[in-house]
Amino acid sequence: LGRSDDMLIVKGVNVFPSQIETVLLNQGYPANYQILVGRKNNSDTIE
């Protein structure tokens, strides 16, 4: 259901790639995606 070490913590929230994939596939998109995490002005960003 995720990993205790590779789990993303973005803006203090636990984020698993599988959650994002579920949303995309439920919306009819293919499983071709990338998650870009960065930091701007001392704040996490996720695209």
All heavy atoms as atom14 arrays in JSON, in Angstrom:
{
  "sequence": "LGRSDDMLIVKGVNVFPSQIETVLLNQGYPANYQILVGRKNNSDTIE",
  "atom14_mask": [
    [1, 1, 1, 1, 1, 1, 1, 1, 0, 0, 0, 0, 0, 0],
    [1, 1, 1, 1, 0, 0, 0, 0, 0, 0, 0, 0, 0, 0],
    [1, 1, 1, 1, 1, 1, 1, 1, 1, 1, 1, 0, 0, 0],
    [1, 1, 1, 1, 1, 1, 0, 0, 0, 0, 0, 0, 0, 0],
    [1, 1, 1, 1, 1, 1, 1, 1, 0, 0, 0, 0, 0, 0],
    [1, 1, 1, 1, 1, 1, 1, 1, 0, 0, 0, 0, 0, 0],
    [1, 1, 1, 1, 1, 1, 1, 1, 0, 0, 0, 0, 0, 0],
    [1, 1, 1, 1, 1, 1, 1, 1, 0, 0, 0, 0, 0, 0],
    [1, 1, 1, 1, 1, 1, 1, 1, 0, 0, 0, 0, 0, 0],
    [1, 1, 1, 1, 1, 1, 1, 0, 0, 0, 0, 0, 0, 0],
    [1, 1, 1, 1, 1, 1, 1, 1, 1, 0, 0, 0, 0, 0],
    [1, 1, 1, 1, 0, 0, 0, 0, 0, 0, 0, 0, 0, 0],
    [1, 1, 1, 1, 1, 1, 1, 0, 0, 0, 0, 0, 0, 0],
    [1, 1, 1, 1, 1, 1, 1, 1, 0, 0, 0, 0, 0, 0],
    [1, 1, 1, 1, 1, 1, 1, 0, 0, 0, 0, 0, 0, 0],
    [1, 1, 1, 1, 1, 1, 1, 1, 1, 1, 1, 0, 0, 0],
    [1, 1, 1, 1, 1, 1, 1, 0, 0, 0, 0, 0, 0, 0],
    [1, 1, 1, 1, 1, 1, 0, 0, 0, 0, 0, 0, 0, 0],
    [1, 1, 1, 1, 1, 1, 1, 1, 1, 0, 0, 0, 0, 0],
    [1, 1, 1, 1, 1, 1, 1, 1, 0, 0, 0, 0, 0, 0],
    [1, 1, 1, 1, 1, 1, 1, 1, 1, 0, 0, 0, 0, 0],
    [1, 1, 1, 1, 1, 1, 1, 0, 0, 0, 0, 0, 0, 0],
    [1, 1, 1, 1, 1, 1, 1, 0, 0, 0, 0, 0, 0, 0],
    [1, 1, 1, 1, 1, 1, 1, 1, 0, 0, 0, 0, 0, 0],
    [1, 1, 1, 1, 1, 1, 1, 1, 0, 0, 0, 0, 0, 0],
    [1, 1, 1, 1, 1, 1, 1, 1, 0, 0, 0, 0, 0, 0],
    [1, 1, 1, 1, 1, 1, 1, 1, 1, 0, 0, 0, 0, 0],
    [1, 1, 1, 1, 0, 0, 0, 0, 0, 0, 0, 0, 0, 0],
    [1, 1, 1, 1, 1, 1, 1, 1, 1, 1, 1, 1, 0, 0],
    [1, 1, 1, 1, 1, 1, 1, 0, 0, 0, 0, 0, 0, 0],
    [1, 1, 1, 1, 1, 0, 0, 0, 0, 0, 0, 0, 0, 0],
    [1, 1, 1, 1, 1, 1, 1, 1, 0, 0, 0, 0, 0, 0],
    [1, 1, 1, 1, 1, 1, 1, 1, 1, 1, 1, 1, 0, 0],
    [1, 1, 1, 1, 1, 1, 1, 1, 1, 0, 0, 0, 0, 0],
    [1, 1, 1, 1, 1, 1, 1, 1, 0, 0, 0, 0, 0, 0],
    [1, 1, 1, 1, 1, 1, 1, 1, 0, 0, 0, 0, 0, 0],
    [1, 1, 1, 1, 1, 1, 1, 0, 0, 0, 0, 0, 0, 0],
    [1, 1, 1, 1, 0, 0, 0, 0, 0, 0, 0, 0, 0, 0],
    [1, 1, 1, 1, 1, 1, 1, 1, 1, 1, 1, 0, 0, 0],
    [1, 1, 1, 1, 1, 1, 1, 1, 1, 0, 0, 0, 0, 0],
    [1, 1, 1, 1, 1, 1, 1, 1, 0, 0, 0, 0, 0, 0],
    [1, 1, 1, 1, 1, 1, 1, 1, 0, 0, 0, 0, 0, 0],
    [1, 1, 1, 1, 1, 1, 0, 0, 0, 0, 0, 0, 0, 0],
    [1, 1, 1, 1, 1, 1, 1, 1, 0, 0, 0, 0, 0, 0],
    [1, 1, 1, 1, 1, 1, 1, 0, 0, 0, 0, 0, 0, 0],
    [1, 1, 1, 1, 1, 1, 1, 1, 0, 0, 0, 0, 0, 0],
    [1, 1, 1, 1, 1, 1, 1, 1, 1, 0, 0, 0, 0, 0]
  ],
  "atom14_positions": [
    [[0.82, -1.21, 0.0], [0.0, 0.0, 0.0], [0.85, 1.26, 0.0], [0.33, 2.37, 0.13], [-0.92, -0.01, 1.23], [-1.77, -1.27, 1.38], [-2.5, -1.26, 2.71], [-2.76, -1.39, 0.23], [0.0, 0.0, 0.0], [0.0, 0.0, 0.0], [0.0, 0.0, 0.0], [0.0, 0.0, 0.0], [0.0, 0.0, 0.0], [0.0, 0.0, 0.0]],
    [[2.14, 1.1, -0.15], [3.1, 2.19, -0.1], [4.35, 1.7, 0.59], [4.49, 0.51, 0.88], [0.0, 0.0, 0.0], [0.0, 0.0, 0.0], [0.0, 0.0, 0.0], [0.0, 0.0, 0.0], [0.0, 0.0, 0.0], [0.0, 0.0, 0.0], [0.0, 0.0, 0.0], [0.0, 0.0, 0.0], [0.0, 0.0, 0.0], [0.0, 0.0, 0.0]],
    [[5.26, 2.62, 0.86], [6.5, 2.25, 1.54], [6.75, 3.2, 2.69], [6.48, 4.4, 2.59], [7.67, 2.27, 0.56], [7.67, 1.08, -0.4], [8.88, 1.08, -1.3], [10.14, 1.01, -0.58], [10.69, -0.1, -0.12], [10.06, -1.25, -0.26], [11.83, -0.07, 0.51], [0.0, 0.0, 0.0], [0.0, 0.0, 0.0], [0.0, 0.0, 0.0]],
    [[7.28, 2.64, 3.77], [7.54, 3.47, 4.94], [8.75, 4.36, 4.74], [8.92, 5.33, 5.46], [7.75, 2.59, 6.18], [8.87, 1.75, 6.02], [0.0, 0.0, 0.0], [0.0, 0.0, 0.0], [0.0, 0.0, 0.0], [0.0, 0.0, 0.0], [0.0, 0.0, 0.0], [0.0, 0.0, 0.0], [0.0, 0.0, 0.0], [0.0, 0.0, 0.0]],
    [[9.59, 4.05, 3.73], [10.74, 4.91, 3.49], [10.55, 5.8, 2.26], [10.94, 6.95, 2.25], [12.03, 4.08, 3.35], [11.93, 2.99, 2.29], [10.84, 2.78, 1.74], [12.96, 2.34, 2.03], [0.0, 0.0, 0.0], [0.0, 0.0, 0.0], [0.0, 0.0, 0.0], [0.0, 0.0, 0.0], [0.0, 0.0, 0.0], [0.0, 0.0, 0.0]],
    [[9.92, 5.28, 1.19], [9.8, 6.04, -0.05], [8.53, 6.89, -0.12], [8.32, 7.6, -1.09], [9.82, 5.09, -1.25], [11.18, 4.43, -1.42], [12.14, 4.93, -0.82], [11.27, 3.43, -2.14], [0.0, 0.0, 0.0], [0.0, 0.0, 0.0], [0.0, 0.0, 0.0], [0.0, 0.0, 0.0], [0.0, 0.0, 0.0], [0.0, 0.0, 0.0]],
    [[7.69, 6.79, 0.88], [6.5, 7.61, 0.93], [6.88, 9.09, 0.82], [7.82, 9.55, 1.47], [5.77, 7.36, 2.24], [4.56, 8.25, 2.49], [3.85, 7.91, 4.11], [5.17, 8.54, 5.19], [0.0, 0.0, 0.0], [0.0, 0.0, 0.0], [0.0, 0.0, 0.0], [0.0, 0.0, 0.0], [0.0, 0.0, 0.0], [0.0, 0.0, 0.0]],
    [[6.19, 9.82, 0.0], [6.45, 11.25, -0.15], [5.74, 12.01, 0.96], [4.57, 11.74, 1.27], [5.95, 11.74, -1.5], [6.66, 11.22, -2.75], [5.87, 11.59, -3.99], [8.06, 11.77, -2.83], [0.0, 0.0, 0.0], [0.0, 0.0, 0.0], [0.0, 0.0, 0.0], [0.0, 0.0, 0.0], [0.0, 0.0, 0.0], [0.0, 0.0, 0.0]],
    [[6.44, 12.94, 1.57], [5.8, 13.86, 2.5], [5.86, 15.23, 1.85], [6.93, 15.83, 1.7], [6.49, 13.87, 3.87], [6.47, 12.47, 4.48], [5.81, 14.87, 4.8], [7.19, 12.36, 5.81], [0.0, 0.0, 0.0], [0.0, 0.0, 0.0], [0.0, 0.0, 0.0], [0.0, 0.0, 0.0], [0.0, 0.0, 0.0], [0.0, 0.0, 0.0]],
    [[4.71, 15.72, 1.41], [4.62, 16.99, 0.7], [3.72, 17.92, 1.5], [2.56, 17.6, 1.77], [4.06, 16.78, -0.72], [4.01, 18.12, -1.46], [4.9, 15.78, -1.49], [0.0, 0.0, 0.0], [0.0, 0.0, 0.0], [0.0, 0.0, 0.0], [0.0, 0.0, 0.0], [0.0, 0.0, 0.0], [0.0, 0.0, 0.0], [0.0, 0.0, 0.0]],
    [[4.28, 19.05, 1.91], [3.53, 20.02, 2.72], [2.96, 19.37, 3.97], [1.85, 19.66, 4.42], [2.4, 20.66, 1.89], [2.9, 21.41, 0.66], [1.75, 21.99, -0.14], [2.26, 22.7, -1.39], [1.17, 23.26, -2.22], [0.0, 0.0, 0.0], [0.0, 0.0, 0.0], [0.0, 0.0, 0.0], [0.0, 0.0, 0.0], [0.0, 0.0, 0.0]],
    [[3.72, 18.43, 4.52], [3.32, 17.75, 5.74], [2.31, 16.64, 5.56], [1.86, 16.05, 6.53], [0.0, 0.0, 0.0], [0.0, 0.0, 0.0], [0.0, 0.0, 0.0], [0.0, 0.0, 0.0], [0.0, 0.0, 0.0], [0.0, 0.0, 0.0], [0.0, 0.0, 0.0], [0.0, 0.0, 0.0], [0.0, 0.0, 0.0], [0.0, 0.0, 0.0]],
    [[1.98, 16.32, 4.31], [0.97, 15.3, 4.02], [1.65, 14.07, 3.43], [2.53, 14.19, 2.57], [-0.09, 15.84, 3.03], [-1.07, 14.75, 2.62], [-0.84, 17.01, 3.66], [0.0, 0.0, 0.0], [0.0, 0.0, 0.0], [0.0, 0.0, 0.0], [0.0, 0.0, 0.0], [0.0, 0.0, 0.0], [0.0, 0.0, 0.0], [0.0, 0.0, 0.0]],
    [[1.25, 12.88, 3.89], [1.77, 11.63, 3.33], [1.13, 11.37, 1.97], [-0.1, 11.29, 1.87], [1.48, 10.45, 4.26], [2.19, 10.59, 5.59], [3.15, 11.34, 5.72], [1.72, 9.86, 6.58], [0.0, 0.0, 0.0], [0.0, 0.0, 0.0], [0.0, 0.0, 0.0], [0.0, 0.0, 0.0], [0.0, 0.0, 0.0], [0.0, 0.0, 0.0]],
    [[1.95, 11.24, 0.94], [1.46, 11.05, -0.42], [2.08, 9.79, -1.0], [3.31, 9.65, -1.01], [1.8, 12.26, -1.32], [1.37, 11.99, -2.76], [1.15, 13.52, -0.79], [0.0, 0.0, 0.0], [0.0, 0.0, 0.0], [0.0, 0.0, 0.0], [0.0, 0.0, 0.0], [0.0, 0.0, 0.0], [0.0, 0.0, 0.0], [0.0, 0.0, 0.0]],
    [[1.24, 8.86, -1.47], [1.72, 7.67, -2.15], [1.41, 7.78, -3.64], [0.29, 8.17, -4.0], [1.07, 6.41, -1.58], [1.49, 6.08, -0.17], [0.64, 6.32, 0.9], [2.74, 5.55, 0.08], [1.03, 6.02, 2.19], [3.14, 5.24, 1.36], [2.29, 5.48, 2.43], [0.0, 0.0, 0.0], [0.0, 0.0, 0.0], [0.0, 0.0, 0.0]],
    [[2.37, 7.46, -4.51], [2.09, 7.49, -5.95], [0.86, 6.69, -6.35], [0.16, 7.07, -7.3], [3.37, 6.91, -6.55], [4.44, 7.25, -5.58], [3.78, 7.13, -4.23], [0.0, 0.0, 0.0], [0.0, 0.0, 0.0], [0.0, 0.0, 0.0], [0.0, 0.0, 0.0], [0.0, 0.0, 0.0], [0.0, 0.0, 0.0], [0.0, 0.0, 0.0]],
    [[0.58, 5.61, -5.63], [-0.59, 4.79, -5.98], [-1.89, 5.57, -5.84], [-2.86, 5.32, -6.58], [-0.63, 3.54, -5.1], [-0.7, 3.88, -3.73], [0.0, 0.0, 0.0], [0.0, 0.0, 0.0], [0.0, 0.0, 0.0], [0.0, 0.0, 0.0], [0.0, 0.0, 0.0], [0.0, 0.0, 0.0], [0.0, 0.0, 0.0], [0.0, 0.0, 0.0]],
    [[-1.94, 6.52, -4.89], [-3.14, 7.35, -4.75], [-3.35, 8.21, -6.0], [-4.47, 8.37, -6.49], [-3.01, 8.25, -3.52], [-2.98, 7.52, -2.19], [-2.71, 8.47, -1.05], [-1.66, 9.13, -1.01], [-3.64, 8.57, -0.12], [0.0, 0.0, 0.0], [0.0, 0.0, 0.0], [0.0, 0.0, 0.0], [0.0, 0.0, 0.0], [0.0, 0.0, 0.0]],
    [[-2.26, 8.77, -6.5], [-2.33, 9.62, -7.69], [-2.72, 8.78, -8.9], [-3.57, 9.18, -9.71], [-0.99, 10.35, -7.9], [-0.76, 11.36, -6.77], [-0.93, 11.02, -9.27], [0.59, 12.02, -6.78], [0.0, 0.0, 0.0], [0.0, 0.0, 0.0], [0.0, 0.0, 0.0], [0.0, 0.0, 0.0], [0.0, 0.0, 0.0], [0.0, 0.0, 0.0]],
    [[-2.15, 7.59, -9.0], [-2.47, 6.72, -10.13], [-3.95, 6.33, -10.13], [-4.59, 6.28, -11.19], [-1.6, 5.46, -10.1], [-1.84, 4.53, -11.28], [-0.88, 3.36, -11.29], [0.34, 3.59, -11.44], [-1.36, 2.22, -11.15], [0.0, 0.0, 0.0], [0.0, 0.0, 0.0], [0.0, 0.0, 0.0], [0.0, 0.0, 0.0], [0.0, 0.0, 0.0]],
    [[-4.5, 6.08, -8.97], [-5.91, 5.73, -8.86], [-6.79, 6.84, -9.43], [-7.73, 6.59, -10.19], [-6.29, 5.45, -7.4], [-5.61, 4.27, -6.96], [-7.79, 5.26, -7.23], [0.0, 0.0, 0.0], [0.0, 0.0, 0.0], [0.0, 0.0, 0.0], [0.0, 0.0, 0.0], [0.0, 0.0, 0.0], [0.0, 0.0, 0.0], [0.0, 0.0, 0.0]],
    [[-6.48, 8.07, -9.07], [-7.25, 9.21, -9.57], [-7.16, 9.3, -11.09], [-8.16, 9.46, -11.79], [-6.78, 10.53, -8.92], [-7.41, 11.74, -9.62], [-7.11, 10.54, -7.44], [0.0, 0.0, 0.0], [0.0, 0.0, 0.0], [0.0, 0.0, 0.0], [0.0, 0.0, 0.0], [0.0, 0.0, 0.0], [0.0, 0.0, 0.0], [0.0, 0.0, 0.0]],
    [[-5.95, 9.19, -11.62], [-5.74, 9.34, -13.06], [-6.5, 8.27, -13.84], [-7.19, 8.56, -14.83], [-4.25, 9.27, -13.4], [-3.37, 10.35, -12.77], [-1.92, 10.16, -13.2], [-3.85, 11.74, -13.13], [0.0, 0.0, 0.0], [0.0, 0.0, 0.0], [0.0, 0.0, 0.0], [0.0, 0.0, 0.0], [0.0, 0.0, 0.0], [0.0, 0.0, 0.0]],
    [[-6.4, 7.02, -13.41], [-7.06, 5.93, -14.14], [-8.57, 6.01, -14.0], [-9.3, 5.7, -14.95], [-6.53, 4.58, -13.66], [-5.07, 4.29, -14.06], [-4.59, 3.01, -13.4], [-4.92, 4.17, -15.56], [0.0, 0.0, 0.0], [0.0, 0.0, 0.0], [0.0, 0.0, 0.0], [0.0, 0.0, 0.0], [0.0, 0.0, 0.0], [0.0, 0.0, 0.0]],
    [[-9.04, 6.45, -12.85], [-10.49, 6.61, -12.68], [-11.04, 7.71, -13.56], [-12.24, 7.71, -13.91], [-10.83, 6.91, -11.21], [-10.81, 5.67, -10.34], [-10.91, 4.55, -10.84], [-10.67, 5.85, -9.04], [0.0, 0.0, 0.0], [0.0, 0.0, 0.0], [0.0, 0.0, 0.0], [0.0, 0.0, 0.0], [0.0, 0.0, 0.0], [0.0, 0.0, 0.0]],
    [[-10.18, 8.66, -13.93], [-10.59, 9.75, -14.81], [-10.38, 9.42, -16.28], [-10.58, 10.27, -17.16], [-9.83, 11.03, -14.44], [-10.1, 11.57, -13.06], [-11.5, 12.14, -12.91], [-12.04, 12.71, -13.84], [-12.09, 11.98, -11.74], [0.0, 0.0, 0.0], [0.0, 0.0, 0.0], [0.0, 0.0, 0.0], [0.0, 0.0, 0.0], [0.0, 0.0, 0.0]],
    [[-9.93, 8.19, -16.57], [-9.79, 7.76, -17.95], [-8.45, 8.01, -18.59], [-8.29, 7.83, -19.81], [0.0, 0.0, 0.0], [0.0, 0.0, 0.0], [0.0, 0.0, 0.0], [0.0, 0.0, 0.0], [0.0, 0.0, 0.0], [0.0, 0.0, 0.0], [0.0, 0.0, 0.0], [0.0, 0.0, 0.0], [0.0, 0.0, 0.0], [0.0, 0.0, 0.0]],
    [[-7.45, 8.41, -17.78], [-6.11, 8.68, -18.33], [-5.26, 7.42, -18.3], [-5.48, 6.53, -17.47], [-5.44, 9.81, -17.54], [-6.09, 11.15, -17.77], [-7.17, 11.55, -16.99], [-5.66, 11.99, -18.78], [-7.81, 12.77, -17.2], [-6.28, 13.22, -19.01], [-7.36, 13.59, -18.22], [-7.98, 14.79, -18.46], [0.0, 0.0, 0.0], [0.0, 0.0, 0.0]],
    [[-4.29, 7.3, -19.2], [-3.43, 6.12, -19.21], [-2.44, 6.16, -18.06], [-2.23, 7.21, -17.43], [-2.71, 6.21, -20.56], [-2.67, 7.68, -20.85], [-3.95, 8.25, -20.3], [0.0, 0.0, 0.0], [0.0, 0.0, 0.0], [0.0, 0.0, 0.0], [0.0, 0.0, 0.0], [0.0, 0.0, 0.0], [0.0, 0.0, 0.0], [0.0, 0.0, 0.0]],
    [[-1.8, 5.03, -17.8], [-0.83, 4.94, -16.69], [0.54, 5.43, -17.16], [1.57, 4.79, -16.91], [-0.75, 3.52, -16.17], [0.0, 0.0, 0.0], [0.0, 0.0, 0.0], [0.0, 0.0, 0.0], [0.0, 0.0, 0.0], [0.0, 0.0, 0.0], [0.0, 0.0, 0.0], [0.0, 0.0, 0.0], [0.0, 0.0, 0.0], [0.0, 0.0, 0.0]],
    [[0.55, 6.55, -17.83], [1.8, 7.19, -18.27], [1.85, 8.57, -17.64], [1.22, 9.52, -18.12], [1.83, 7.29, -19.8], [1.77, 5.94, -20.47], [2.43, 5.0, -20.05], [0.95, 5.81, -21.51], [0.0, 0.0, 0.0], [0.0, 0.0, 0.0], [0.0, 0.0, 0.0], [0.0, 0.0, 0.0], [0.0, 0.0, 0.0], [0.0, 0.0, 0.0]],
    [[2.59, 8.67, -16.55], [2.63, 9.92, -15.8], [3.94, 10.01, -15.03], [4.64, 9.01, -14.84], [1.46, 10.0, -14.82], [1.48, 8.95, -13.74], [2.08, 9.19, -12.5], [0.94, 7.68, -13.95], [2.12, 8.22, -11.52], [0.98, 6.71, -12.98], [1.56, 6.98, -11.77], [1.62, 6.01, -10.8], [0.0, 0.0, 0.0], [0.0, 0.0, 0.0]],
    [[4.27, 11.22, -14.6], [5.41, 11.44, -13.7], [5.02, 12.45, -12.65], [4.25, 13.38, -12.91], [6.64, 11.91, -14.47], [7.41, 10.78, -15.13], [8.78, 11.18, -15.61], [8.99, 12.32, -16.04], [9.73, 10.26, -15.53], [0.0, 0.0, 0.0], [0.0, 0.0, 0.0], [0.0, 0.0, 0.0], [0.0, 0.0, 0.0], [0.0, 0.0, 0.0]],
    [[5.58, 12.25, -11.45], [5.32, 13.14, -10.32], [6.6, 13.91, -10.06], [7.65, 13.32, -9.78], [4.9, 12.34, -9.08], [3.67, 11.48, -9.38], [4.64, 13.26, -7.9], [3.39, 10.42, -8.33], [0.0, 0.0, 0.0], [0.0, 0.0, 0.0], [0.0, 0.0, 0.0], [0.0, 0.0, 0.0], [0.0, 0.0, 0.0], [0.0, 0.0, 0.0]],
    [[6.53, 15.22, -10.16], [7.7, 16.08, -9.95], [7.52, 16.83, -8.63], [6.55, 17.58, -8.46], [7.84, 17.08, -11.1], [7.82, 16.49, -12.52], [7.92, 17.61, -13.56], [8.96, 15.51, -12.7], [0.0, 0.0, 0.0], [0.0, 0.0, 0.0], [0.0, 0.0, 0.0], [0.0, 0.0, 0.0], [0.0, 0.0, 0.0], [0.0, 0.0, 0.0]],
    [[8.44, 16.6, -7.7], [8.38, 17.26, -6.4], [9.56, 18.21, -6.29], [10.7, 17.85, -6.62], [8.42, 16.23, -5.25], [8.24, 16.92, -3.91], [7.34, 15.18, -5.44], [0.0, 0.0, 0.0], [0.0, 0.0, 0.0], [0.0, 0.0, 0.0], [0.0, 0.0, 0.0], [0.0, 0.0, 0.0], [0.0, 0.0, 0.0], [0.0, 0.0, 0.0]],
    [[9.3, 19.42, -5.84], [10.37, 20.41, -5.71], [10.14, 21.31, -4.52], [9.29, 21.05, -3.66], [0.0, 0.0, 0.0], [0.0, 0.0, 0.0], [0.0, 0.0, 0.0], [0.0, 0.0, 0.0], [0.0, 0.0, 0.0], [0.0, 0.0, 0.0], [0.0, 0.0, 0.0], [0.0, 0.0, 0.0], [0.0, 0.0, 0.0], [0.0, 0.0, 0.0]],
    [[10.9, 22.39, -4.47], [10.74, 23.35, -3.37], [10.95, 24.75, -3.93], [11.91, 25.01, -4.65], [11.74, 23.05, -2.26], [11.59, 23.97, -1.04], [12.33, 23.45, 0.17], [11.65, 22.28, 0.74], [12.23, 21.11, 0.93], [13.49, 20.94, 0.59], [11.57, 20.12, 1.46], [0.0, 0.0, 0.0], [0.0, 0.0, 0.0], [0.0, 0.0, 0.0]],
    [[10.03, 25.65, -3.6], [10.09, 27.03, -4.05], [9.72, 27.94, -2.89], [8.68, 27.74, -2.25], [9.14, 27.25, -5.23], [9.22, 28.64, -5.84], [8.31, 28.75, -7.06], [8.42, 30.12, -7.7], [7.52, 30.23, -8.89], [0.0, 0.0, 0.0], [0.0, 0.0, 0.0], [0.0, 0.0, 0.0], [0.0, 0.0, 0.0], [0.0, 0.0, 0.0]],
    [[10.58, 28.92, -2.62], [10.34, 29.86, -1.51], [10.06, 29.12, -0.21], [9.12, 29.42, 0.52], [9.17, 30.8, -1.85], [9.44, 31.65, -3.06], [10.59, 32.04, -3.31], [8.4, 31.96, -3.82], [0.0, 0.0, 0.0], [0.0, 0.0, 0.0], [0.0, 0.0, 0.0], [0.0, 0.0, 0.0], [0.0, 0.0, 0.0], [0.0, 0.0, 0.0]],
    [[10.91, 28.13, 0.07], [10.83, 27.34, 1.3], [9.54, 26.53, 1.43], [9.19, 26.1, 2.53], [10.99, 28.25, 2.54], [12.35, 28.89, 2.6], [13.37, 28.23, 2.37], [12.4, 30.19, 2.87], [0.0, 0.0, 0.0], [0.0, 0.0, 0.0], [0.0, 0.0, 0.0], [0.0, 0.0, 0.0], [0.0, 0.0, 0.0], [0.0, 0.0, 0.0]],
    [[8.86, 26.3, 0.33], [7.62, 25.53, 0.37], [7.68, 24.41, -0.66], [8.21, 24.58, -1.75], [6.43, 26.44, 0.07], [5.22, 25.71, 0.08], [0.0, 0.0, 0.0], [0.0, 0.0, 0.0], [0.0, 0.0, 0.0], [0.0, 0.0, 0.0], [0.0, 0.0, 0.0], [0.0, 0.0, 0.0], [0.0, 0.0, 0.0], [0.0, 0.0, 0.0]],
    [[7.14, 23.23, -0.28], [7.1, 22.11, -1.21], [6.17, 22.39, -2.38], [5.12, 23.04, -2.22], [6.61, 20.84, -0.5], [7.61, 20.3, 0.5], [8.8, 20.63, 0.37], [7.19, 19.54, 1.4], [0.0, 0.0, 0.0], [0.0, 0.0, 0.0], [0.0, 0.0, 0.0], [0.0, 0.0, 0.0], [0.0, 0.0, 0.0], [0.0, 0.0, 0.0]],
    [[6.54, 21.9, -3.53], [5.68, 21.94, -4.71], [5.54, 20.54, -5.27], [6.44, 19.71, -5.14], [6.26, 22.86, -5.8], [7.51, 22.32, -6.26], [6.45, 24.27, -5.3], [0.0, 0.0, 0.0], [0.0, 0.0, 0.0], [0.0, 0.0, 0.0], [0.0, 0.0, 0.0], [0.0, 0.0, 0.0], [0.0, 0.0, 0.0], [0.0, 0.0, 0.0]],
    [[4.4, 20.24, -5.87], [4.18, 18.94, -6.5], [3.4, 19.13, -7.79], [2.41, 19.85, -7.82], [3.47, 17.95, -5.54], [3.26, 16.59, -6.24], [2.18, 18.52, -5.01], [2.79, 15.49, -5.28], [0.0, 0.0, 0.0], [0.0, 0.0, 0.0], [0.0, 0.0, 0.0], [0.0, 0.0, 0.0], [0.0, 0.0, 0.0], [0.0, 0.0, 0.0]],
    [[3.91, 18.53, -8.84], [3.27, 18.6, -10.15], [3.16, 17.2, -10.72], [4.09, 16.4, -10.6], [4.08, 19.49, -11.1], [3.56, 19.51, -12.54], [4.4, 20.37, -13.46], [4.75, 21.51, -13.05], [4.71, 19.92, -14.58], [0.0, 0.0, 0.0], [0.0, 0.0, 0.0], [0.0, 0.0, 0.0], [0.0, 0.0, 0.0], [0.0, 0.0, 0.0]]
  ]
}
